[in-house]
Amino acid sequence: MTATERTGWRDQRFSAMHRELGVNVPLTDIDTVWIEYDQAKPVALVDYKLHTVDVDALLAAGDVNLRVIGELGDRAMVPAFCIRYWDAGDYRDWRFKAYPLNWLAEWFIGQASQVLAFDGYAGLLYRLRNRPTPEAIQQRAASRTRRPA
C-alpha cells in the first residue's frame, strides 16, 4: 500500500487516492534518482542522498525504494547505486559512499559499500562510461592538500 505522504510537497490527493486501491497495488515514489548516461545511452541509475540519510539502516530494513531501483537497474541492464555525499564546499573536498543495489553495481565496486574521495568518485563515473579519467580531472583532484577521509 502507498505510504502516507510525509513531505507535503507532492500531490497528497493522488497519494491518498492510490492508497484506496489497496495493498495489492503498491506504489513508490523515487525521490531523486539520476540517470548517468553516455551518448544518449544510460550507464547507471543512482539514488543520490545527502550524508544525513542512514543508507545502511535503509538497506538493513529492506527499503522498498532502494530495492525497486536495483530491480530497475537489472531490467535495464545497468548498474544501480545509492550514493551518499558530503558537501564540503570545494567539490574537490567532497566525499561519497557508494552502495551497490544490483549485481552490475557490485561488478564495479564489489558487494560492500565503498567510501570514495572526489577522485575515486570521478573515476567511477568515467569507468561506468568505459572511458579513462581525463588528466585534467585527475590533476584538479590531486591539487588539493587536504583530502577527505
C-alpha atoms as a PDB file:
ATOM      1  CA  MET A   1       0.000   0.000   0.000  1.00  0.00           C
ATOM      2  CA  THR A   2       1.155   3.515  -0.689  1.00  0.00           C
ATOM      3  CA  ALA A   3       2.676   5.180   2.350  1.00  0.00           C
ATOM      4  CA  THR A   4       1.191   8.364   3.718  1.00  0.00           C
ATOM      5  CA  GLU A   5       2.702  11.483   2.130  1.00  0.00           C
ATOM      6  CA  ARG A   6       5.426  12.682   4.517  1.00  0.00           C
ATOM      7  CA  THR A   7       6.849  15.830   2.942  1.00  0.00           C
ATOM      8  CA  GLY A   8       3.728  17.649   1.778  1.00  0.00           C
ATOM      9  CA  TRP A   9       5.277  18.956  -1.440  1.00  0.00           C
ATOM     10  CA  ARG A  10       3.967  16.238  -3.740  1.00  0.00           C
ATOM     11  CA  ASP A  11       0.333  15.763  -4.669  1.00  0.00           C
ATOM     12  CA  GLN A  12      -1.152  14.403  -1.439  1.00  0.00           C
ATOM     13  CA  ARG A  13      -4.524  13.788  -3.066  1.00  0.00           C
ATOM     14  CA  PHE A  14      -3.001  11.447  -5.657  1.00  0.00           C
ATOM     15  CA  SER A  15      -1.213   9.510  -2.916  1.00  0.00           C
ATOM     16  CA  ALA A  16      -4.455   9.247  -0.903  1.00  0.00           C
ATOM     17  CA  MET A  17      -6.400   8.099  -3.964  1.00  0.00           C
ATOM     18  CA  HIS A  18      -3.817   5.424  -4.763  1.00  0.00           C
ATOM     19  CA  ARG A  19      -3.895   4.092  -1.172  1.00  0.00           C
ATOM     20  CA  GLU A  20      -7.618   3.475  -1.669  1.00  0.00           C
ATOM     21  CA  LEU A  21      -6.748   0.871  -4.344  1.00  0.00           C
ATOM     22  CA  GLY A  22      -5.484  -1.458  -1.613  1.00  0.00           C
ATOM     23  CA  VAL A  23      -2.414  -3.397  -0.592  1.00  0.00           C
ATOM     24  CA  ASN A  24      -2.188  -5.372  -3.844  1.00  0.00           C
ATOM     25  CA  VAL A  25      -1.438  -2.227  -5.855  1.00  0.00           C
ATOM     26  CA  PRO A  26       1.720  -0.829  -4.222  1.00  0.00           C
ATOM     27  CA  LEU A  27       3.312   2.381  -5.407  1.00  0.00           C
ATOM     28  CA  THR A  28       6.542   4.086  -4.502  1.00  0.00           C
ATOM     29  CA  ASP A  29       7.891   7.458  -5.455  1.00  0.00           C
ATOM     30  CA  ILE A  30      11.591   7.526  -6.092  1.00  0.00           C
ATOM     31  CA  ASP A  31      12.801  10.739  -4.540  1.00  0.00           C
ATOM     32  CA  THR A  32      15.933  11.603  -6.502  1.00  0.00           C
ATOM     33  CA  VAL A  33      17.122   9.041  -8.981  1.00  0.00           C
ATOM     34  CA  TRP A  34      19.589  10.314 -11.521  1.00  0.00           C
ATOM     35  CA  ILE A  35      20.481   8.598 -14.771  1.00  0.00           C
ATOM     36  CA  GLU A  36      24.178   8.666 -15.583  1.00  0.00           C
ATOM     37  CA  TYR A  37      24.455   8.389 -19.348  1.00  0.00           C
ATOM     38  CA  ASP A  38      26.887   8.482 -22.250  1.00  0.00           C
ATOM     39  CA  GLN A  39      25.971   9.262 -25.852  1.00  0.00           C
ATOM     40  CA  ALA A  40      22.243   9.131 -25.007  1.00  0.00           C
ATOM     41  CA  LYS A  41      22.564   5.621 -23.507  1.00  0.00           C
ATOM     42  CA  PRO A  42      22.055   5.020 -19.758  1.00  0.00           C
ATOM     43  CA  VAL A  43      25.118   3.699 -17.940  1.00  0.00           C
ATOM     44  CA  ALA A  44      23.789   3.722 -14.344  1.00  0.00           C
ATOM     45  CA  LEU A  45      20.870   4.587 -12.093  1.00  0.00           C
ATOM     46  CA  VAL A  46      21.922   6.488  -8.991  1.00  0.00           C
ATOM     47  CA  ASP A  47      19.873   7.489  -5.991  1.00  0.00           C
ATOM     48  CA  TYR A  48      21.953  10.345  -4.562  1.00  0.00           C
ATOM     49  CA  LYS A  49      21.337  11.024  -0.873  1.00  0.00           C
ATOM     50  CA  LEU A  50      22.701  13.691   1.435  1.00  0.00           C
ATOM     51  CA  HIS A  51      25.020  12.306   4.124  1.00  0.00           C
ATOM     52  CA  THR A  52      22.361  12.739   6.806  1.00  0.00           C
ATOM     53  CA  VAL A  53      20.362   9.800   5.391  1.00  0.00           C
ATOM     54  CA  ASP A  54      21.267   6.495   7.081  1.00  0.00           C
ATOM     55  CA  VAL A  55      21.516   4.297   3.990  1.00  0.00           C
ATOM     56  CA  ASP A  56      22.912   1.376   5.995  1.00  0.00           C
ATOM     57  CA  ALA A  57      19.729   1.329   8.076  1.00  0.00           C
ATOM     58  CA  LEU A  58      17.549   1.606   4.965  1.00  0.00           C
ATOM     59  CA  LEU A  59      19.310  -1.352   3.354  1.00  0.00           C
ATOM     60  CA  ALA A  60      19.153  -3.396   6.555  1.00  0.00           C
ATOM     61  CA  ALA A  61      15.405  -2.750   6.737  1.00  0.00           C
ATOM     62  CA  GLY A  62      14.949  -3.836   3.105  1.00  0.00           C
ATOM     63  CA  ASP A  63      13.847  -0.373   1.956  1.00  0.00           C
ATOM     64  CA  VAL A  64      11.414  -0.836  -0.930  1.00  0.00           C
ATOM     65  CA  ASN A  65      12.579   2.267  -2.816  1.00  0.00           C
ATOM     66  CA  LEU A  66      16.169   1.021  -2.952  1.00  0.00           C
ATOM     67  CA  ARG A  67      15.045  -2.488  -3.915  1.00  0.00           C
ATOM     68  CA  VAL A  68      12.927  -1.075  -6.753  1.00  0.00           C
ATOM     69  CA  ILE A  69      15.868   0.969  -8.050  1.00  0.00           C
ATOM     70  CA  GLY A  70      18.037  -2.172  -8.043  1.00  0.00           C
ATOM     71  CA  GLU A  71      15.324  -4.053  -9.931  1.00  0.00           C
ATOM     72  CA  LEU A  72      15.032  -1.225 -12.475  1.00  0.00           C
ATOM     73  CA  GLY A  73      18.791  -1.435 -12.970  1.00  0.00           C
ATOM     74  CA  ASP A  74      18.549  -5.195 -13.507  1.00  0.00           C
ATOM     75  CA  ARG A  75      15.779  -4.796 -16.067  1.00  0.00           C
ATOM     76  CA  ALA A  76      17.651  -2.012 -17.874  1.00  0.00           C
ATOM     77  CA  MET A  77      20.909  -3.990 -17.595  1.00  0.00           C
ATOM     78  CA  VAL A  78      22.734  -1.059 -15.972  1.00  0.00           C
ATOM     79  CA  PRO A  79      24.389  -0.722 -12.555  1.00  0.00           C
ATOM     80  CA  ALA A  80      22.207   0.755  -9.814  1.00  0.00           C
ATOM     81  CA  PHE A  81      23.751   2.569  -6.862  1.00  0.00           C
ATOM     82  CA  CYS A  82      22.751   4.582  -3.841  1.00  0.00           C
ATOM     83  CA  ILE A  83      25.427   7.210  -3.242  1.00  0.00           C
ATOM     84  CA  ARG A  84      25.620   9.312  -0.085  1.00  0.00           C
ATOM     85  CA  TYR A  85      27.519  12.555  -0.441  1.00  0.00           C
ATOM     86  CA  TRP A  86      29.139  15.018   1.915  1.00  0.00           C
ATOM     87  CA  ASP A  87      29.184  18.564   0.513  1.00  0.00           C
ATOM     88  CA  ALA A  88      32.422  20.085   1.764  1.00  0.00           C
ATOM     89  CA  GLY A  89      32.241  23.390  -0.106  1.00  0.00           C
ATOM     90  CA  ASP A  90      35.002  22.973  -2.660  1.00  0.00           C
ATOM     91  CA  TYR A  91      33.937  19.987  -4.766  1.00  0.00           C
ATOM     92  CA  ARG A  92      37.423  18.510  -4.566  1.00  0.00           C
ATOM     93  CA  ASP A  93      36.840  18.021  -0.843  1.00  0.00           C
ATOM     94  CA  TRP A  94      33.519  16.264  -1.280  1.00  0.00           C
ATOM     95  CA  ARG A  95      33.340  12.622  -0.317  1.00  0.00           C
ATOM     96  CA  PHE A  96      30.971   9.851  -1.220  1.00  0.00           C
ATOM     97  CA  LYS A  97      29.845   6.434  -0.078  1.00  0.00           C
ATOM     98  CA  ALA A  98      28.613   4.190  -2.890  1.00  0.00           C
ATOM     99  CA  TYR A  99      26.279   1.270  -2.176  1.00  0.00           C
ATOM    100  CA  PRO A 100      25.609  -1.317  -4.890  1.00  0.00           C
ATOM    101  CA  LEU A 101      21.911  -2.012  -5.437  1.00  0.00           C
ATOM    102  CA  ASN A 102      22.299  -4.751  -8.053  1.00  0.00           C
ATOM    103  CA  TRP A 103      24.848  -7.264  -9.329  1.00  0.00           C
ATOM    104  CA  LEU A 104      26.034  -4.904 -12.068  1.00  0.00           C
ATOM    105  CA  ALA A 105      26.944  -2.276  -9.480  1.00  0.00           C
ATOM    106  CA  GLU A 106      28.759  -4.963  -7.495  1.00  0.00           C
ATOM    107  CA  TRP A 107      30.838  -5.649 -10.595  1.00  0.00           C
ATOM    108  CA  PHE A 108      32.098  -2.043 -10.397  1.00  0.00           C
ATOM    109  CA  ILE A 109      32.616  -1.618  -6.638  1.00  0.00           C
ATOM    110  CA  GLY A 110      32.227  -5.044  -5.026  1.00  0.00           C
ATOM    111  CA  GLN A 111      29.488  -6.282  -2.712  1.00  0.00           C
ATOM    112  CA  ALA A 112      30.263  -3.897   0.143  1.00  0.00           C
ATOM    113  CA  SER A 113      29.786  -0.138   0.127  1.00  0.00           C
ATOM    114  CA  GLN A 114      32.825   1.931  -0.808  1.00  0.00           C
ATOM    115  CA  VAL A 115      33.923   5.292   0.604  1.00  0.00           C
ATOM    116  CA  LEU A 116      35.264   7.481  -2.190  1.00  0.00           C
ATOM    117  CA  ALA A 117      37.111  10.773  -2.247  1.00  0.00           C
ATOM    118  CA  PHE A 118      36.422  13.092  -5.179  1.00  0.00           C
ATOM    119  CA  ASP A 119      38.985  11.410  -7.426  1.00  0.00           C
ATOM    120  CA  GLY A 120      37.574   7.941  -6.706  1.00  0.00           C
ATOM    121  CA  TYR A 121      34.052   9.158  -7.420  1.00  0.00           C
ATOM    122  CA  ALA A 122      35.153  10.791 -10.682  1.00  0.00           C
ATOM    123  CA  GLY A 123      36.991   7.591 -11.617  1.00  0.00           C
ATOM    124  CA  LEU A 124      33.848   5.522 -11.016  1.00  0.00           C
ATOM    125  CA  LEU A 125      31.793   7.802 -13.260  1.00  0.00           C
ATOM    126  CA  TYR A 126      34.355   7.511 -16.066  1.00  0.00           C
ATOM    127  CA  ARG A 127      34.611   3.708 -15.625  1.00  0.00           C
ATOM    128  CA  LEU A 128      30.827   3.464 -15.951  1.00  0.00           C
ATOM    129  CA  ARG A 129      31.269   5.082 -19.362  1.00  0.00           C
ATOM    130  CA  ASN A 130      34.239   2.861 -20.234  1.00  0.00           C
ATOM    131  CA  ARG A 131      36.433   5.944 -20.543  1.00  0.00           C
ATOM    132  CA  PRO A 132      39.704   6.930 -18.891  1.00  0.00           C
ATOM    133  CA  THR A 133      39.547   9.736 -16.354  1.00  0.00           C
ATOM    134  CA  PRO A 134      40.951  12.828 -18.128  1.00  0.00           C
ATOM    135  CA  GLU A 135      44.311  14.036 -16.884  1.00  0.00           C
ATOM    136  CA  ALA A 136      42.826  17.473 -16.132  1.00  0.00           C
ATOM    137  CA  ILE A 137      40.275  15.928 -13.735  1.00  0.00           C
ATOM    138  CA  GLN A 138      42.976  13.867 -12.053  1.00  0.00           C
ATOM    139  CA  GLN A 139      45.196  16.943 -11.649  1.00  0.00           C
ATOM    140  CA  ARG A 140      42.373  19.041 -10.198  1.00  0.00           C
ATOM    141  CA  ALA A 141      41.606  16.306  -7.677  1.00  0.00           C
ATOM    142  CA  ALA A 142      45.281  15.901  -6.782  1.00  0.00           C
ATOM    143  CA  SER A 143      45.835  19.656  -6.423  1.00  0.00           C
ATOM    144  CA  ARG A 144      44.195  19.704  -3.019  1.00  0.00           C
ATOM    145  CA  THR A 145      46.417  19.267   0.002  1.00  0.00           C
ATOM    146  CA  ARG A 146      43.528  18.287   2.293  1.00  0.00           C
ATOM    147  CA  ARG A 147      41.899  15.051   1.171  1.00  0.00           C
ATOM    148  CA  PRO A 148      38.587  13.721   2.526  1.00  0.00           C
ATOM    149  CA  ALA A 149      38.748  10.567   4.604  1.00  0.00           C
END
